[in-house]
Amino acid sequence: MSKKLLFSITKKDFKIDTFRAGGKGGQHQNKTDSGVRITHIASGAVAEGRSERSQSANKKAAFKKLTESERFKSWLRVQSAAVLHGFRNVEHKVDEMMKEENLNIEFIGKSEDEE
């Protein structure tokens, strides 16, 4: 089975913030912005890395946490399905299906008139 590239995610798809983090490092943590917060813009998934002294190690940890988050995994499944099955705008299709005229709503129990 050969692998097929469905889509690409690049650095511009993320917002990366740095901050001064508590944790290991003593005085070093008070002088450098070693903490990293990464946000995947499309899914809204957010993860932080702050336990290491180096910013690069914290960035790597934050990316790992983000890619393992349920929010990111859910977004990834939707995007993959859209590419594989030809859905160009999954959210639009769901919105169309959820319109009032497309729903069959039944009330079970006594109505206000019967009480």
N, C-alpha and C. Protein backbone atom coordinates (compact mmCIF):
# COMPACT_ATOMS: atom_id res chain seq x y z
N MET A 1 0.85 -1.18 0.00
CA MET A 1 0.00 0.00 0.00
C MET A 1 0.89 1.25 0.00
N SER A 2 0.74 2.07 -1.00
CA SER A 2 1.57 3.28 -1.08
C SER A 2 0.90 4.41 -0.31
N LYS A 3 1.72 5.29 0.22
CA LYS A 3 1.21 6.43 0.97
C LYS A 3 0.95 7.58 0.02
N LYS A 4 -0.05 8.38 0.35
CA LYS A 4 -0.43 9.52 -0.47
C LYS A 4 -0.50 10.76 0.43
N LEU A 5 0.10 11.85 -0.02
CA LEU A 5 0.04 13.10 0.72
C LEU A 5 -1.34 13.71 0.54
N LEU A 6 -2.07 13.87 1.63
CA LEU A 6 -3.43 14.42 1.56
C LEU A 6 -3.42 15.94 1.59
N PHE A 7 -2.62 16.51 2.49
CA PHE A 7 -2.46 17.95 2.61
C PHE A 7 -1.25 18.23 3.47
N SER A 8 -0.81 19.47 3.50
CA SER A 8 0.37 19.84 4.28
C SER A 8 -0.01 20.83 5.37
N ILE A 9 0.67 20.73 6.49
CA ILE A 9 0.54 21.69 7.57
C ILE A 9 1.92 22.30 7.74
N THR A 10 2.00 23.62 7.69
CA THR A 10 3.30 24.29 7.78
C THR A 10 3.33 25.21 9.01
N LYS A 11 4.47 25.80 9.22
CA LYS A 11 4.66 26.68 10.38
C LYS A 11 3.66 27.83 10.40
N LYS A 12 3.25 28.30 9.22
CA LYS A 12 2.30 29.42 9.17
C LYS A 12 0.91 29.03 9.66
N ASP A 13 0.64 27.73 9.83
CA ASP A 13 -0.64 27.26 10.34
C ASP A 13 -0.69 27.32 11.87
N PHE A 14 0.40 27.72 12.50
CA PHE A 14 0.49 27.76 13.95
C PHE A 14 0.85 29.15 14.44
N LYS A 15 0.40 29.47 15.64
CA LYS A 15 0.83 30.69 16.33
C LYS A 15 1.72 30.21 17.47
N ILE A 16 2.95 30.71 17.50
CA ILE A 16 3.91 30.28 18.52
C ILE A 16 4.27 31.47 19.39
N ASP A 17 3.98 31.34 20.69
CA ASP A 17 4.28 32.39 21.66
C ASP A 17 5.32 31.87 22.65
N THR A 18 6.20 32.74 23.07
CA THR A 18 7.18 32.37 24.10
C THR A 18 6.94 33.23 25.34
N PHE A 19 7.31 32.68 26.49
CA PHE A 19 7.10 33.39 27.75
C PHE A 19 8.10 32.88 28.78
N ARG A 20 8.20 33.60 29.85
CA ARG A 20 9.08 33.18 30.95
C ARG A 20 8.35 32.11 31.73
N ALA A 21 9.00 30.98 31.88
CA ALA A 21 8.34 29.83 32.48
C ALA A 21 9.00 29.45 33.80
N GLY A 22 8.18 28.97 34.72
CA GLY A 22 8.71 28.41 35.95
C GLY A 22 9.22 27.01 35.66
N GLY A 23 9.84 26.40 36.61
CA GLY A 23 10.33 25.05 36.40
C GLY A 23 11.83 24.98 36.59
N LYS A 24 12.45 24.01 35.93
CA LYS A 24 13.90 23.82 36.05
C LYS A 24 14.64 25.04 35.55
N GLY A 25 15.78 25.28 36.10
CA GLY A 25 16.62 26.32 35.53
C GLY A 25 17.06 27.41 36.48
N GLY A 26 16.45 27.51 37.65
CA GLY A 26 16.87 28.51 38.61
C GLY A 26 16.78 29.91 38.05
N GLN A 27 17.87 30.67 38.18
CA GLN A 27 17.89 32.05 37.72
C GLN A 27 17.71 32.14 36.20
N HIS A 28 18.10 31.11 35.48
CA HIS A 28 17.97 31.08 34.03
C HIS A 28 16.52 31.32 33.59
N GLN A 29 15.57 30.74 34.33
CA GLN A 29 14.16 30.87 33.96
C GLN A 29 13.66 32.30 34.11
N ASN A 30 14.30 33.09 34.95
CA ASN A 30 13.87 34.47 35.15
C ASN A 30 14.43 35.43 34.10
N LYS A 31 15.39 34.96 33.30
CA LYS A 31 16.04 35.83 32.32
C LYS A 31 15.67 35.52 30.89
N THR A 32 15.14 34.36 30.61
CA THR A 32 14.86 33.98 29.23
C THR A 32 13.41 33.54 29.05
N ASP A 33 12.93 33.70 27.84
CA ASP A 33 11.58 33.25 27.50
C ASP A 33 11.68 31.81 27.00
N SER A 34 11.78 30.87 27.94
CA SER A 34 11.97 29.48 27.54
C SER A 34 10.66 28.71 27.40
N GLY A 35 9.57 29.23 27.95
CA GLY A 35 8.28 28.57 27.81
C GLY A 35 7.71 28.82 26.43
N VAL A 36 7.00 27.83 25.89
CA VAL A 36 6.43 27.94 24.54
C VAL A 36 4.96 27.53 24.58
N ARG A 37 4.11 28.35 23.97
CA ARG A 37 2.70 28.02 23.80
C ARG A 37 2.43 28.00 22.30
N ILE A 38 1.89 26.90 21.81
CA ILE A 38 1.62 26.74 20.38
C ILE A 38 0.12 26.57 20.19
N THR A 39 -0.42 27.33 19.24
CA THR A 39 -1.83 27.24 18.89
C THR A 39 -1.95 26.86 17.43
N HIS A 40 -2.71 25.81 17.15
CA HIS A 40 -3.02 25.47 15.76
C HIS A 40 -4.26 26.28 15.42
N ILE A 41 -4.10 27.23 14.51
CA ILE A 41 -5.13 28.22 14.24
C ILE A 41 -6.43 27.59 13.75
N ALA A 42 -6.35 26.67 12.82
CA ALA A 42 -7.56 26.08 12.21
C ALA A 42 -8.39 25.28 13.21
N SER A 43 -7.74 24.51 14.07
CA SER A 43 -8.48 23.65 15.00
C SER A 43 -8.70 24.30 16.36
N GLY A 44 -7.88 25.27 16.70
CA GLY A 44 -7.97 25.89 18.02
C GLY A 44 -7.26 25.11 19.11
N ALA A 45 -6.56 24.04 18.73
CA ALA A 45 -5.83 23.23 19.71
C ALA A 45 -4.63 24.03 20.24
N VAL A 46 -4.41 23.94 21.56
CA VAL A 46 -3.33 24.69 22.21
C VAL A 46 -2.55 23.75 23.11
N ALA A 47 -1.22 23.92 23.11
CA ALA A 47 -0.38 23.14 24.02
C ALA A 47 0.79 24.00 24.46
N GLU A 48 1.32 23.68 25.65
CA GLU A 48 2.45 24.41 26.20
C GLU A 48 3.59 23.46 26.55
N GLY A 49 4.80 23.99 26.45
CA GLY A 49 5.98 23.31 26.94
C GLY A 49 6.71 24.29 27.84
N ARG A 50 6.98 23.87 29.08
CA ARG A 50 7.63 24.80 30.02
C ARG A 50 8.54 24.10 31.01
N SER A 51 8.69 22.79 30.89
CA SER A 51 9.41 22.07 31.92
C SER A 51 10.93 22.00 31.69
N GLU A 52 11.38 22.34 30.49
CA GLU A 52 12.82 22.26 30.19
C GLU A 52 13.46 23.65 30.23
N ARG A 53 14.78 23.68 30.30
CA ARG A 53 15.49 24.95 30.31
C ARG A 53 15.53 25.61 28.94
N SER A 54 15.58 24.81 27.89
CA SER A 54 15.75 25.41 26.56
C SER A 54 14.41 25.59 25.86
N GLN A 55 14.34 26.67 25.11
CA GLN A 55 13.14 26.97 24.35
C GLN A 55 12.89 25.90 23.28
N SER A 56 13.95 25.44 22.64
CA SER A 56 13.78 24.44 21.58
C SER A 56 13.22 23.12 22.13
N ALA A 57 13.67 22.71 23.31
CA ALA A 57 13.14 21.49 23.92
C ALA A 57 11.67 21.68 24.31
N ASN A 58 11.32 22.86 24.81
CA ASN A 58 9.93 23.14 25.18
C ASN A 58 9.05 23.23 23.94
N LYS A 59 9.59 23.76 22.83
CA LYS A 59 8.82 23.84 21.59
C LYS A 59 8.52 22.43 21.07
N LYS A 60 9.51 21.57 21.14
CA LYS A 60 9.33 20.19 20.69
C LYS A 60 8.28 19.49 21.55
N ALA A 61 8.33 19.69 22.85
CA ALA A 61 7.35 19.08 23.76
C ALA A 61 5.95 19.62 23.50
N ALA A 62 5.84 20.93 23.25
CA ALA A 62 4.54 21.53 22.98
C ALA A 62 3.94 20.99 21.68
N PHE A 63 4.75 20.87 20.64
CA PHE A 63 4.26 20.31 19.38
C PHE A 63 3.77 18.88 19.57
N LYS A 64 4.51 18.11 20.36
CA LYS A 64 4.13 16.71 20.61
C LYS A 64 2.77 16.67 21.33
N LYS A 65 2.61 17.49 22.37
CA LYS A 65 1.35 17.54 23.11
C LYS A 65 0.20 17.97 22.20
N LEU A 66 0.45 18.96 21.37
CA LEU A 66 -0.60 19.48 20.49
C LEU A 66 -1.06 18.41 19.51
N THR A 67 -0.11 17.71 18.88
CA THR A 67 -0.49 16.69 17.90
C THR A 67 -1.17 15.49 18.53
N GLU A 68 -1.00 15.30 19.83
CA GLU A 68 -1.64 14.20 20.53
C GLU A 68 -2.98 14.61 21.16
N SER A 69 -3.33 15.90 21.08
CA SER A 69 -4.58 16.38 21.68
C SER A 69 -5.79 15.90 20.89
N GLU A 70 -6.90 15.67 21.58
CA GLU A 70 -8.12 15.21 20.92
C GLU A 70 -8.66 16.26 19.95
N ARG A 71 -8.52 17.52 20.29
CA ARG A 71 -9.03 18.58 19.43
C ARG A 71 -8.31 18.58 18.07
N PHE A 72 -6.99 18.45 18.10
CA PHE A 72 -6.22 18.42 16.86
C PHE A 72 -6.52 17.14 16.08
N LYS A 73 -6.59 16.00 16.77
CA LYS A 73 -6.87 14.73 16.10
C LYS A 73 -8.24 14.77 15.42
N SER A 74 -9.21 15.37 16.07
CA SER A 74 -10.55 15.48 15.51
C SER A 74 -10.52 16.33 14.23
N TRP A 75 -9.82 17.47 14.30
CA TRP A 75 -9.68 18.33 13.13
C TRP A 75 -9.00 17.57 11.99
N LEU A 76 -7.97 16.82 12.33
CA LEU A 76 -7.23 16.06 11.33
C LEU A 76 -8.12 15.02 10.65
N ARG A 77 -8.97 14.35 11.42
CA ARG A 77 -9.89 13.36 10.84
C ARG A 77 -10.85 14.02 9.87
N VAL A 78 -11.40 15.17 10.23
CA VAL A 78 -12.34 15.87 9.36
C VAL A 78 -11.65 16.31 8.07
N GLN A 79 -10.44 16.87 8.20
CA GLN A 79 -9.71 17.32 7.01
C GLN A 79 -9.36 16.15 6.09
N SER A 80 -8.94 15.04 6.69
CA SER A 80 -8.59 13.86 5.90
C SER A 80 -9.81 13.32 5.16
N ALA A 81 -10.94 13.26 5.85
CA ALA A 81 -12.17 12.78 5.23
C ALA A 81 -12.59 13.70 4.09
N ALA A 82 -12.43 14.98 4.29
CA ALA A 82 -12.79 15.94 3.26
C ALA A 82 -11.97 15.72 1.99
N VAL A 83 -10.69 15.46 2.15
CA VAL A 83 -9.82 15.24 0.99
C VAL A 83 -10.10 13.88 0.36
N LEU A 84 -10.19 12.86 1.17
CA LEU A 84 -10.37 11.50 0.65
C LEU A 84 -11.72 11.28 -0.01
N HIS A 85 -12.76 11.92 0.52
CA HIS A 85 -14.11 11.67 0.04
C HIS A 85 -14.68 12.83 -0.75
N GLY A 86 -13.86 13.79 -1.07
CA GLY A 86 -14.30 14.88 -1.93
C GLY A 86 -15.17 15.93 -1.29
N PHE A 87 -15.26 15.96 0.02
CA PHE A 87 -16.04 17.01 0.68
C PHE A 87 -15.18 18.27 0.72
N ARG A 88 -15.60 19.26 0.05
CA ARG A 88 -14.83 20.50 0.02
C ARG A 88 -15.12 21.37 1.25
N ASN A 89 -16.35 21.30 1.74
CA ASN A 89 -16.69 22.12 2.89
C ASN A 89 -17.62 21.31 3.80
N VAL A 90 -17.03 20.52 4.66
CA VAL A 90 -17.79 19.63 5.53
C VAL A 90 -18.72 20.43 6.44
N GLU A 91 -18.23 21.54 7.00
CA GLU A 91 -19.05 22.34 7.90
C GLU A 91 -20.29 22.87 7.18
N HIS A 92 -20.14 23.27 5.92
CA HIS A 92 -21.27 23.77 5.14
C HIS A 92 -22.32 22.67 4.95
N LYS A 93 -21.88 21.46 4.66
CA LYS A 93 -22.80 20.34 4.48
C LYS A 93 -23.56 20.04 5.78
N VAL A 94 -22.86 20.08 6.90
CA VAL A 94 -23.51 19.84 8.19
C VAL A 94 -24.52 20.94 8.47
N ASP A 95 -24.17 22.19 8.22
CA ASP A 95 -25.09 23.30 8.43
C ASP A 95 -26.34 23.14 7.57
N GLU A 96 -26.16 22.71 6.31
CA GLU A 96 -27.30 22.48 5.43
C GLU A 96 -28.22 21.40 5.98
N MET A 97 -27.64 20.31 6.46
CA MET A 97 -28.43 19.21 6.99
C MET A 97 -29.16 19.61 8.27
N MET A 98 -28.61 20.56 9.02
CA MET A 98 -29.19 20.95 10.30
C MET A 98 -30.22 22.07 10.17
N LYS A 99 -30.50 22.54 8.96
CA LYS A 99 -31.52 23.57 8.78
C LYS A 99 -32.87 23.01 9.20
N GLU A 100 -33.72 23.88 9.70
CA GLU A 100 -35.02 23.48 10.24
C GLU A 100 -35.85 22.68 9.23
N GLU A 101 -35.83 23.10 7.97
CA GLU A 101 -36.64 22.41 6.96
C GLU A 101 -36.14 20.99 6.67
N ASN A 102 -34.91 20.68 7.06
CA ASN A 102 -34.35 19.35 6.82
C ASN A 102 -34.47 18.44 8.04
N LEU A 103 -34.98 18.96 9.13
CA LEU A 103 -35.09 18.18 10.36
C LEU A 103 -36.54 17.76 10.59
N ASN A 104 -36.71 16.59 11.14
CA ASN A 104 -38.04 16.11 11.52
C ASN A 104 -38.05 16.06 13.04
N ILE A 105 -38.73 17.01 13.64
CA ILE A 105 -38.74 17.12 15.10
C ILE A 105 -40.08 16.63 15.62
N GLU A 106 -40.05 15.67 16.52
CA GLU A 106 -41.26 15.13 17.11
C GLU A 106 -41.26 15.40 18.60
N PHE A 107 -42.42 15.79 19.12
CA PHE A 107 -42.55 16.03 20.55
C PHE A 107 -43.28 14.83 21.16
N ILE A 108 -42.70 14.29 22.19
CA ILE A 108 -43.31 13.14 22.86
C ILE A 108 -43.77 13.61 24.23
N GLY A 109 -44.99 13.29 24.57
CA GLY A 109 -45.54 13.69 25.87
C GLY A 109 -46.73 14.59 25.65
N LYS A 110 -47.24 15.13 26.74
CA LYS A 110 -48.42 15.97 26.67
C LYS A 110 -48.04 17.37 26.18
N SER A 111 -48.90 17.92 25.36
CA SER A 111 -48.69 19.30 24.93
C SER A 111 -49.25 20.22 26.01
N GLU A 112 -48.96 21.49 25.90
CA GLU A 112 -49.46 22.47 26.88
C GLU A 112 -50.98 22.55 26.83
N ASP A 113 -51.59 22.31 25.66
CA ASP A 113 -53.05 22.38 25.50
C ASP A 113 -53.74 21.24 26.24
N GLU A 114 -53.08 20.08 26.37
CA GLU A 114 -53.68 18.91 27.00
C GLU A 114 -53.65 18.98 28.52
N GLU A 115 -52.84 19.85 29.07
CA GLU A 115 -52.69 19.90 30.53
C GLU A 115 -53.74 20.76 31.16
